Amino acid sequence: MKRVVALLSGGMESLVVAALVDDAGHKGHGVFIDYGQRARKQEQDAVERICREYAFNLEVVHLTLPFLGSHALLRDTSISYKYEAARAMGLKCPKPVKGSVAHVVPFRNFMFLGIAASFASTVAAQEVWTGFDFVSGGGATWDQSPGFTDKVNETFGAAHERPRLITPLQGKTKTGTARLGETLSVDWGLSWSCYNDFRRACGICGNCHARKNAFIEAGAFDPTRYCTADFLRNEWPN
């Protein structure tokens, strides 16, 4: 049985990658990285559910990256997102924090892959799987591109150990991932896509929008409970 390390963040892609590892008959070892992201608790909870579903071992890695504190995935901008959600529903709520930053953490994937490869050597795993879903276009993330992953594999090969990086979703849109997940009969309720740390997915961040659209286009059911006007009224009763 081949041993595989799956780099998981708890989203749709992570869930489908875990299902593919299981479907191939491999022994999965999940790795989740807490680097201070706002939704780390929700993401880790999702990864734990996914690993239980597919009988993966799970390694949780905690990173302290204070120099990245100004980036949107780490910075506490939750009030801004709640404000935007509430305003869209005509509700009153606290004023948002000022300013915004892009949802990009520089070299995040490069750091994460290095950690996953290092862990792979400790469990004798031959491969590292991840849910990169690069599709060329204006919204493309270049550190998920085939050129990037090819260079990562070259770098792995130059090191003492050589796990191979496998990206089974590369070239798929999120809609394509949703369709693939349907063929694998995944339980979408195990996953968490929202950038924010609300008790429900916000429904308005970029990841929530992408998730909603993917399920609509795939003709699949999304069990996610998003923020509603009633939910926000309970958040801000006045």
C-alpha atoms as a PDB file:
ATOM      1  CA  MET A   1       0.000   0.000   0.000  1.00  0.00           C
ATOM      2  CA  LYS A   2       1.457   3.355  -1.055  1.00  0.00           C
ATOM      3  CA  ARG A   3       1.801   5.993   1.663  1.00  0.00           C
ATOM      4  CA  VAL A   4       0.662   9.488   0.706  1.00  0.00           C
ATOM      5  CA  VAL A   5       0.808  12.807   2.545  1.00  0.00           C
ATOM      6  CA  ALA A   6      -2.203  14.991   1.750  1.00  0.00           C
ATOM      7  CA  LEU A   7      -1.778  18.714   2.419  1.00  0.00           C
ATOM      8  CA  LEU A   8      -5.267  19.703   3.584  1.00  0.00           C
ATOM      9  CA  SER A   9      -6.938  23.034   4.410  1.00  0.00           C
ATOM     10  CA  GLY A  10     -10.499  21.788   4.840  1.00  0.00           C
ATOM     11  CA  GLY A  11     -12.049  23.166   1.637  1.00  0.00           C
ATOM     12  CA  MET A  12     -13.722  21.520  -1.343  1.00  0.00           C
ATOM     13  CA  GLU A  13     -10.417  20.675  -2.974  1.00  0.00           C
ATOM     14  CA  SER A  14      -9.035  19.093   0.207  1.00  0.00           C
ATOM     15  CA  LEU A  15     -12.096  16.909   0.524  1.00  0.00           C
ATOM     16  CA  VAL A  16     -11.896  15.719  -3.084  1.00  0.00           C
ATOM     17  CA  VAL A  17      -8.144  15.077  -2.846  1.00  0.00           C
ATOM     18  CA  ALA A  18      -8.694  12.960   0.282  1.00  0.00           C
ATOM     19  CA  ALA A  19     -11.420  11.026  -1.528  1.00  0.00           C
ATOM     20  CA  LEU A  20      -9.090  10.441  -4.502  1.00  0.00           C
ATOM     21  CA  VAL A  21      -6.317   9.161  -2.232  1.00  0.00           C
ATOM     22  CA  ASP A  22      -8.799   6.795  -0.613  1.00  0.00           C
ATOM     23  CA  ASP A  23     -10.260   5.744  -3.960  1.00  0.00           C
ATOM     24  CA  ALA A  24      -6.761   4.849  -5.203  1.00  0.00           C
ATOM     25  CA  GLY A  25      -6.280   2.551  -2.216  1.00  0.00           C
ATOM     26  CA  HIS A  26      -3.421   4.552  -0.688  1.00  0.00           C
ATOM     27  CA  LYS A  27      -2.690   5.056   3.006  1.00  0.00           C
ATOM     28  CA  GLY A  28      -3.297   8.744   3.736  1.00  0.00           C
ATOM     29  CA  HIS A  29      -1.518  11.007   6.205  1.00  0.00           C
ATOM     30  CA  GLY A  30      -3.149  14.421   6.440  1.00  0.00           C
ATOM     31  CA  VAL A  31      -1.172  17.581   7.211  1.00  0.00           C
ATOM     32  CA  PHE A  32      -2.946  20.756   8.347  1.00  0.00           C
ATOM     33  CA  ILE A  33      -0.989  23.979   8.839  1.00  0.00           C
ATOM     34  CA  ASP A  34      -2.134  26.614  11.304  1.00  0.00           C
ATOM     35  CA  TYR A  35      -0.239  29.756  10.313  1.00  0.00           C
ATOM     36  CA  GLY A  36      -2.462  32.221  12.166  1.00  0.00           C
ATOM     37  CA  GLN A  37      -5.250  32.420   9.577  1.00  0.00           C
ATOM     38  CA  ARG A  38      -8.540  33.760  10.932  1.00  0.00           C
ATOM     39  CA  ALA A  39     -10.503  30.616  10.040  1.00  0.00           C
ATOM     40  CA  ARG A  40      -7.921  28.208  11.450  1.00  0.00           C
ATOM     41  CA  LYS A  41     -10.326  26.645  13.965  1.00  0.00           C
ATOM     42  CA  GLN A  42     -13.029  26.089  11.335  1.00  0.00           C
ATOM     43  CA  GLU A  43     -10.457  24.795   8.851  1.00  0.00           C
ATOM     44  CA  GLN A  44      -8.858  22.414  11.344  1.00  0.00           C
ATOM     45  CA  ASP A  45     -12.279  21.125  12.403  1.00  0.00           C
ATOM     46  CA  ALA A  46     -13.042  20.420   8.733  1.00  0.00           C
ATOM     47  CA  VAL A  47      -9.701  18.663   8.198  1.00  0.00           C
ATOM     48  CA  GLU A  48     -10.315  16.513  11.272  1.00  0.00           C
ATOM     49  CA  ARG A  49     -13.730  15.511   9.897  1.00  0.00           C
ATOM     50  CA  ILE A  50     -12.203  14.667   6.504  1.00  0.00           C
ATOM     51  CA  CYS A  51      -9.428  12.597   8.079  1.00  0.00           C
ATOM     52  CA  ARG A  52     -11.922  10.656  10.175  1.00  0.00           C
ATOM     53  CA  GLU A  53     -14.047  10.013   7.084  1.00  0.00           C
ATOM     54  CA  TYR A  54     -11.139   8.509   5.148  1.00  0.00           C
ATOM     55  CA  ALA A  55      -9.190   7.008   8.091  1.00  0.00           C
ATOM     56  CA  PHE A  56      -6.193   9.301   7.593  1.00  0.00           C
ATOM     57  CA  ASN A  57      -3.662   9.972  10.295  1.00  0.00           C
ATOM     58  CA  LEU A  58      -3.446  13.720  10.943  1.00  0.00           C
ATOM     59  CA  GLU A  59      -0.475  15.928  11.741  1.00  0.00           C
ATOM     60  CA  VAL A  60      -1.243  19.525  12.792  1.00  0.00           C
ATOM     61  CA  VAL A  61       1.602  22.022  12.324  1.00  0.00           C
ATOM     62  CA  HIS A  62       1.578  25.409  14.082  1.00  0.00           C
ATOM     63  CA  LEU A  63       3.569  28.244  12.500  1.00  0.00           C
ATOM     64  CA  THR A  64       4.180  31.699  13.951  1.00  0.00           C
ATOM     65  CA  LEU A  65       4.601  34.243  11.158  1.00  0.00           C
ATOM     66  CA  PRO A  66       4.296  37.697  12.776  1.00  0.00           C
ATOM     67  CA  PHE A  67       5.718  39.457   9.710  1.00  0.00           C
ATOM     68  CA  LEU A  68       2.605  38.402   7.741  1.00  0.00           C
ATOM     69  CA  GLY A  69       0.166  39.987  10.186  1.00  0.00           C
ATOM     70  CA  SER A  70      -0.977  42.638   7.704  1.00  0.00           C
ATOM     71  CA  HIS A  71      -2.291  40.139   5.164  1.00  0.00           C
ATOM     72  CA  ALA A  72      -6.031  39.679   4.863  1.00  0.00           C
ATOM     73  CA  LEU A  73      -6.133  35.975   5.659  1.00  0.00           C
ATOM     74  CA  LEU A  74      -4.389  36.654   8.991  1.00  0.00           C
ATOM     75  CA  ARG A  75      -5.540  40.165   9.858  1.00  0.00           C
ATOM     76  CA  ASP A  76      -8.730  40.467  11.899  1.00  0.00           C
ATOM     77  CA  THR A  77     -11.018  42.027   9.315  1.00  0.00           C
ATOM     78  CA  SER A  78     -14.046  40.013  10.390  1.00  0.00           C
ATOM     79  CA  ILE A  79     -15.941  43.168  11.376  1.00  0.00           C
ATOM     80  CA  SER A  80     -15.547  44.409   7.790  1.00  0.00           C
ATOM     81  CA  TYR A  81     -17.082  41.224   6.387  1.00  0.00           C
ATOM     82  CA  LYS A  82     -19.916  41.242   8.922  1.00  0.00           C
ATOM     83  CA  TYR A  83     -20.583  44.888   8.112  1.00  0.00           C
ATOM     84  CA  GLU A  84     -20.747  44.204   4.374  1.00  0.00           C
ATOM     85  CA  ALA A  85     -23.034  41.207   4.889  1.00  0.00           C
ATOM     86  CA  ALA A  86     -25.344  43.115   7.212  1.00  0.00           C
ATOM     87  CA  ARG A  87     -25.430  46.221   5.020  1.00  0.00           C
ATOM     88  CA  ALA A  88     -26.400  44.092   2.025  1.00  0.00           C
ATOM     89  CA  MET A  89     -29.408  42.917   4.061  1.00  0.00           C
ATOM     90  CA  GLY A  90     -30.359  46.391   5.245  1.00  0.00           C
ATOM     91  CA  LEU A  91     -29.315  45.802   8.865  1.00  0.00           C
ATOM     92  CA  LYS A  92     -27.416  48.019  11.286  1.00  0.00           C
ATOM     93  CA  CYS A  93     -24.138  46.792  12.704  1.00  0.00           C
ATOM     94  CA  PRO A  94     -20.768  48.009  14.069  1.00  0.00           C
ATOM     95  CA  LYS A  95     -18.640  50.115  11.753  1.00  0.00           C
ATOM     96  CA  PRO A  96     -15.943  48.160   9.891  1.00  0.00           C
ATOM     97  CA  VAL A  97     -12.222  48.503  10.350  1.00  0.00           C
ATOM     98  CA  LYS A  98     -10.585  50.773   7.797  1.00  0.00           C
ATOM     99  CA  GLY A  99      -8.482  49.555   4.937  1.00  0.00           C
ATOM    100  CA  SER A 100      -8.248  46.244   3.159  1.00  0.00           C
ATOM    101  CA  VAL A 101      -5.521  43.964   1.873  1.00  0.00           C
ATOM    102  CA  ALA A 102      -5.465  41.207  -0.711  1.00  0.00           C
ATOM    103  CA  HIS A 103      -6.107  37.579   0.204  1.00  0.00           C
ATOM    104  CA  VAL A 104      -2.583  36.623  -0.783  1.00  0.00           C
ATOM    105  CA  VAL A 105       0.094  35.298   1.548  1.00  0.00           C
ATOM    106  CA  PRO A 106       3.412  35.418  -0.350  1.00  0.00           C
ATOM    107  CA  PHE A 107       5.146  32.056  -0.823  1.00  0.00           C
ATOM    108  CA  ARG A 108       2.566  30.343   1.369  1.00  0.00           C
ATOM    109  CA  ASN A 109       2.287  27.299  -0.893  1.00  0.00           C
ATOM    110  CA  PHE A 110       6.066  27.018  -1.188  1.00  0.00           C
ATOM    111  CA  MET A 111       6.402  26.990   2.612  1.00  0.00           C
ATOM    112  CA  PHE A 112       3.593  24.483   3.026  1.00  0.00           C
ATOM    113  CA  LEU A 113       4.932  22.079   0.430  1.00  0.00           C
ATOM    114  CA  GLY A 114       8.349  22.093   2.070  1.00  0.00           C
ATOM    115  CA  ILE A 115       6.774  21.196   5.402  1.00  0.00           C
ATOM    116  CA  ALA A 116       4.671  18.453   3.808  1.00  0.00           C
ATOM    117  CA  ALA A 117       7.728  17.002   2.064  1.00  0.00           C
ATOM    118  CA  SER A 118       9.701  17.023   5.301  1.00  0.00           C
ATOM    119  CA  PHE A 119       6.856  15.237   7.072  1.00  0.00           C
ATOM    120  CA  ALA A 120       6.580  12.742   4.202  1.00  0.00           C
ATOM    121  CA  SER A 121      10.144  11.598   4.845  1.00  0.00           C
ATOM    122  CA  THR A 122       9.257  10.738   8.459  1.00  0.00           C
ATOM    123  CA  VAL A 123       6.387   8.432   7.482  1.00  0.00           C
ATOM    124  CA  ALA A 124       8.051   6.925   4.389  1.00  0.00           C
ATOM    125  CA  ALA A 125       5.491   8.540   2.060  1.00  0.00           C
ATOM    126  CA  GLN A 126       6.389   8.496  -1.625  1.00  0.00           C
ATOM    127  CA  GLU A 127       4.030  11.309  -2.642  1.00  0.00           C
ATOM    128  CA  VAL A 128       2.594  14.622  -1.442  1.00  0.00           C
ATOM    129  CA  TRP A 129      -0.901  15.351  -2.774  1.00  0.00           C
ATOM    130  CA  THR A 130      -2.501  18.773  -2.721  1.00  0.00           C
ATOM    131  CA  GLY A 131      -5.609  20.416  -4.157  1.00  0.00           C
ATOM    132  CA  PHE A 132      -4.046  22.983  -6.475  1.00  0.00           C
ATOM    133  CA  ASP A 133      -6.688  23.746  -9.117  1.00  0.00           C
ATOM    134  CA  PHE A 134      -4.888  26.256 -11.330  1.00  0.00           C
ATOM    135  CA  VAL A 135      -6.808  27.434 -14.378  1.00  0.00           C
ATOM    136  CA  SER A 136      -5.284  30.187 -16.538  1.00  0.00           C
ATOM    137  CA  GLY A 137      -7.105  33.485 -16.369  1.00  0.00           C
ATOM    138  CA  GLY A 138      -7.339  36.776 -14.531  1.00  0.00           C
ATOM    139  CA  GLY A 139      -7.915  35.133 -11.157  1.00  0.00           C
ATOM    140  CA  ALA A 140      -5.157  32.535 -11.506  1.00  0.00           C
ATOM    141  CA  THR A 141      -2.881  31.910  -8.541  1.00  0.00           C
ATOM    142  CA  TRP A 142       0.540  31.332 -10.047  1.00  0.00           C
ATOM    143  CA  ASP A 143       1.952  29.353  -7.137  1.00  0.00           C
ATOM    144  CA  GLN A 144      -0.541  26.644  -8.090  1.00  0.00           C
ATOM    145  CA  SER A 145       0.463  26.556 -11.760  1.00  0.00           C
ATOM    146  CA  PRO A 146       1.967  23.546 -13.590  1.00  0.00           C
ATOM    147  CA  GLY A 147       5.209  25.497 -14.039  1.00  0.00           C
ATOM    148  CA  PHE A 148       5.426  26.068 -10.298  1.00  0.00           C
ATOM    149  CA  THR A 149       4.681  22.469  -9.386  1.00  0.00           C
ATOM    150  CA  ASP A 150       7.218  21.225 -11.949  1.00  0.00           C
ATOM    151  CA  LYS A 151       9.897  23.360 -10.296  1.00  0.00           C
ATOM    152  CA  VAL A 152       8.860  22.123  -6.863  1.00  0.00           C
ATOM    153  CA  ASN A 153       9.324  18.536  -8.049  1.00  0.00           C
ATOM    154  CA  GLU A 154      12.764  19.456  -9.373  1.00  0.00           C
ATOM    155  CA  THR A 155      13.592  20.943  -5.969  1.00  0.00           C
ATOM    156  CA  PHE A 156      12.354  17.838  -4.171  1.00  0.00           C
ATOM    157  CA  GLY A 157      14.538  15.770  -6.478  1.00  0.00           C
ATOM    158  CA  ALA A 158      17.601  17.847  -5.595  1.00  0.00           C
ATOM    159  CA  ALA A 159      17.071  17.178  -1.894  1.00  0.00           C
ATOM    160  CA  HIS A 160      18.159  14.064   0.001  1.00  0.00           C
ATOM    161  CA  GLU A 161      14.603  12.695   0.057  1.00  0.00           C
ATOM    162  CA  ARG A 162      12.258  12.781  -2.910  1.00  0.00           C
ATOM    163  CA  PRO A 163       8.540  12.640  -2.387  1.00  0.00           C
ATOM    164  CA  ARG A 164       6.761  13.475  -5.622  1.00  0.00           C
ATOM    165  CA  LEU A 165       4.214  16.288  -5.700  1.00  0.00           C
ATOM    166  CA  ILE A 166       0.849  15.154  -7.124  1.00  0.00           C
ATOM    167  CA  THR A 167      -1.799  17.716  -8.096  1.00  0.00           C
ATOM    168  CA  PRO A 168      -4.839  15.736  -9.319  1.00  0.00           C
ATOM    169  CA  LEU A 169      -7.109  18.791  -9.627  1.00  0.00           C
ATOM    170  CA  GLN A 170      -4.725  20.971 -11.612  1.00  0.00           C
ATOM    171  CA  GLY A 171      -6.518  22.407 -14.635  1.00  0.00           C
ATOM    172  CA  LYS A 172      -9.966  21.925 -13.111  1.00  0.00           C
ATOM    173  CA  THR A 173     -12.297  24.779 -12.303  1.00  0.00           C
ATOM    174  CA  LYS A 174     -14.062  24.763  -8.942  1.00  0.00           C
ATOM    175  CA  THR A 175     -17.137  23.592 -10.838  1.00  0.00           C
ATOM    176  CA  GLY A 176     -15.104  20.699 -12.230  1.00  0.00           C
ATOM    177  CA  THR A 177     -13.983  19.836  -8.720  1.00  0.00           C
ATOM    178  CA  ALA A 178     -17.597  19.864  -7.541  1.00  0.00           C
ATOM    179  CA  ARG A 179     -18.567  17.503 -10.375  1.00  0.00           C
ATOM    180  CA  LEU A 180     -15.664  15.181  -9.574  1.00  0.00           C
ATOM    181  CA  GLY A 181     -16.651  15.176  -5.901  1.00  0.00           C
ATOM    182  CA  GLU A 182     -20.172  14.166  -6.879  1.00  0.00           C
ATOM    183  CA  THR A 183     -18.834  11.145  -8.777  1.00  0.00           C
ATOM    184  CA  LEU A 184     -16.870  10.189  -5.649  1.00  0.00           C
ATOM    185  CA  SER A 185     -19.982  10.637  -3.463  1.00  0.00           C
ATOM    186  CA  VAL A 186     -18.174  12.983  -1.066  1.00  0.00           C
ATOM    187  CA  ASP A 187     -20.013  14.505   1.880  1.00  0.00           C
ATOM    188  CA  TRP A 188     -19.682  18.233   1.183  1.00  0.00           C
ATOM    189  CA  GLY A 189     -20.809  19.005   4.710  1.00  0.00           C
ATOM    190  CA  LEU A 190     -17.376  17.907   5.933  1.00  0.00           C
ATOM    191  CA  SER A 191     -15.696  20.882   4.248  1.00  0.00           C
ATOM    192  CA  TRP A 192     -15.303  24.576   5.119  1.00  0.00           C
ATOM    193  CA  SER A 193     -14.483  27.178   2.446  1.00  0.00           C
ATOM    194  CA  CYS A 194     -15.008  30.562   4.143  1.00  0.00           C
ATOM    195  CA  TYR A 195     -12.034  32.849   4.820  1.00  0.00           C
ATOM    196  CA  ASN A 196     -13.688  34.076   8.015  1.00  0.00           C
ATOM    197  CA  ASP A 197     -14.146  32.747  11.527  1.00  0.00           C
ATOM    198  CA  PHE A 198     -17.898  33.256  11.905  1.00  0.00           C
ATOM    199  CA  ARG A 199     -20.141  30.581  13.370  1.00  0.00           C
ATOM    200  CA  ARG A 200     -21.465  30.229   9.814  1.00  0.00           C
ATOM    201  CA  ALA A 201     -19.775  30.774   6.465  1.00  0.00           C
ATOM    202  CA  CYS A 202     -20.104  34.475   5.617  1.00  0.00           C
ATOM    203  CA  GLY A 203     -21.397  33.931   2.079  1.00  0.00           C
ATOM    204  CA  ILE A 204     -19.702  37.079   0.749  1.00  0.00           C
ATOM    205  CA  CYS A 205     -15.930  36.482   0.734  1.00  0.00           C
ATOM    206  CA  GLY A 206     -14.274  35.394  -2.492  1.00  0.00           C
ATOM    207  CA  ASN A 207     -14.100  31.763  -1.463  1.00  0.00           C
ATOM    208  CA  CYS A 208     -17.768  31.635  -0.462  1.00  0.00           C
ATOM    209  CA  HIS A 209     -18.785  33.177  -3.797  1.00  0.00           C
ATOM    210  CA  ALA A 210     -16.640  30.682  -5.700  1.00  0.00           C
ATOM    211  CA  ARG A 211     -18.109  27.781  -3.744  1.00  0.00           C
ATOM    212  CA  LYS A 212     -21.707  28.910  -4.302  1.00  0.00           C
ATOM    213  CA  ASN A 213     -21.147  29.351  -8.036  1.00  0.00           C
ATOM    214  CA  ALA A 214     -19.405  25.974  -8.348  1.00  0.00           C
ATOM    215  CA  PHE A 215     -22.346  24.094  -6.859  1.00  0.00           C
ATOM    216  CA  ILE A 216     -24.866  26.017  -8.961  1.00  0.00           C
ATOM    217  CA  GLU A 217     -22.944  25.342 -12.179  1.00  0.00           C
ATOM    218  CA  ALA A 218     -22.367  21.684 -11.258  1.00  0.00           C
ATOM    219  CA  GLY A 219     -26.043  21.187 -10.433  1.00  0.00           C
ATOM    220  CA  ALA A 220     -25.037  19.878  -7.004  1.00  0.00           C
ATOM    221  CA  PHE A 221     -26.402  20.580  -3.526  1.00  0.00           C
ATOM    222  CA  ASP A 222     -24.296  22.686  -1.157  1.00  0.00           C
ATOM    223  CA  PRO A 223     -25.228  21.903   2.469  1.00  0.00           C
ATOM    224  CA  THR A 224     -23.399  24.991   3.801  1.00  0.00           C
ATOM    225  CA  ARG A 225     -25.444  27.232   6.094  1.00  0.00           C
ATOM    226  CA  TYR A 226     -24.485  30.772   5.126  1.00  0.00           C
ATOM    227  CA  CYS A 227     -25.143  33.959   7.083  1.00  0.00           C
ATOM    228  CA  THR A 228     -28.723  35.222   6.752  1.00  0.00           C
ATOM    229  CA  ALA A 229     -30.517  38.374   7.886  1.00  0.00           C
ATOM    230  CA  ASP A 230     -31.984  36.508  10.870  1.00  0.00           C
ATOM    231  CA  PHE A 231     -28.556  35.176  11.812  1.00  0.00           C
ATOM    232  CA  LEU A 232     -27.080  38.681  11.719  1.00  0.00           C
ATOM    233  CA  ARG A 233     -29.974  40.123  13.712  1.00  0.00           C
ATOM    234  CA  ASN A 234     -29.016  37.684  16.448  1.00  0.00           C
ATOM    235  CA  GLU A 235     -25.409  38.854  16.144  1.00  0.00           C
ATOM    236  CA  TRP A 236     -26.455  42.532  16.534  1.00  0.00           C
ATOM    237  CA  PRO A 237     -29.866  42.604  18.223  1.00  0.00           C
ATOM    238  CA  ASN A 238     -29.830  46.404  18.419  1.00  0.00           C
END
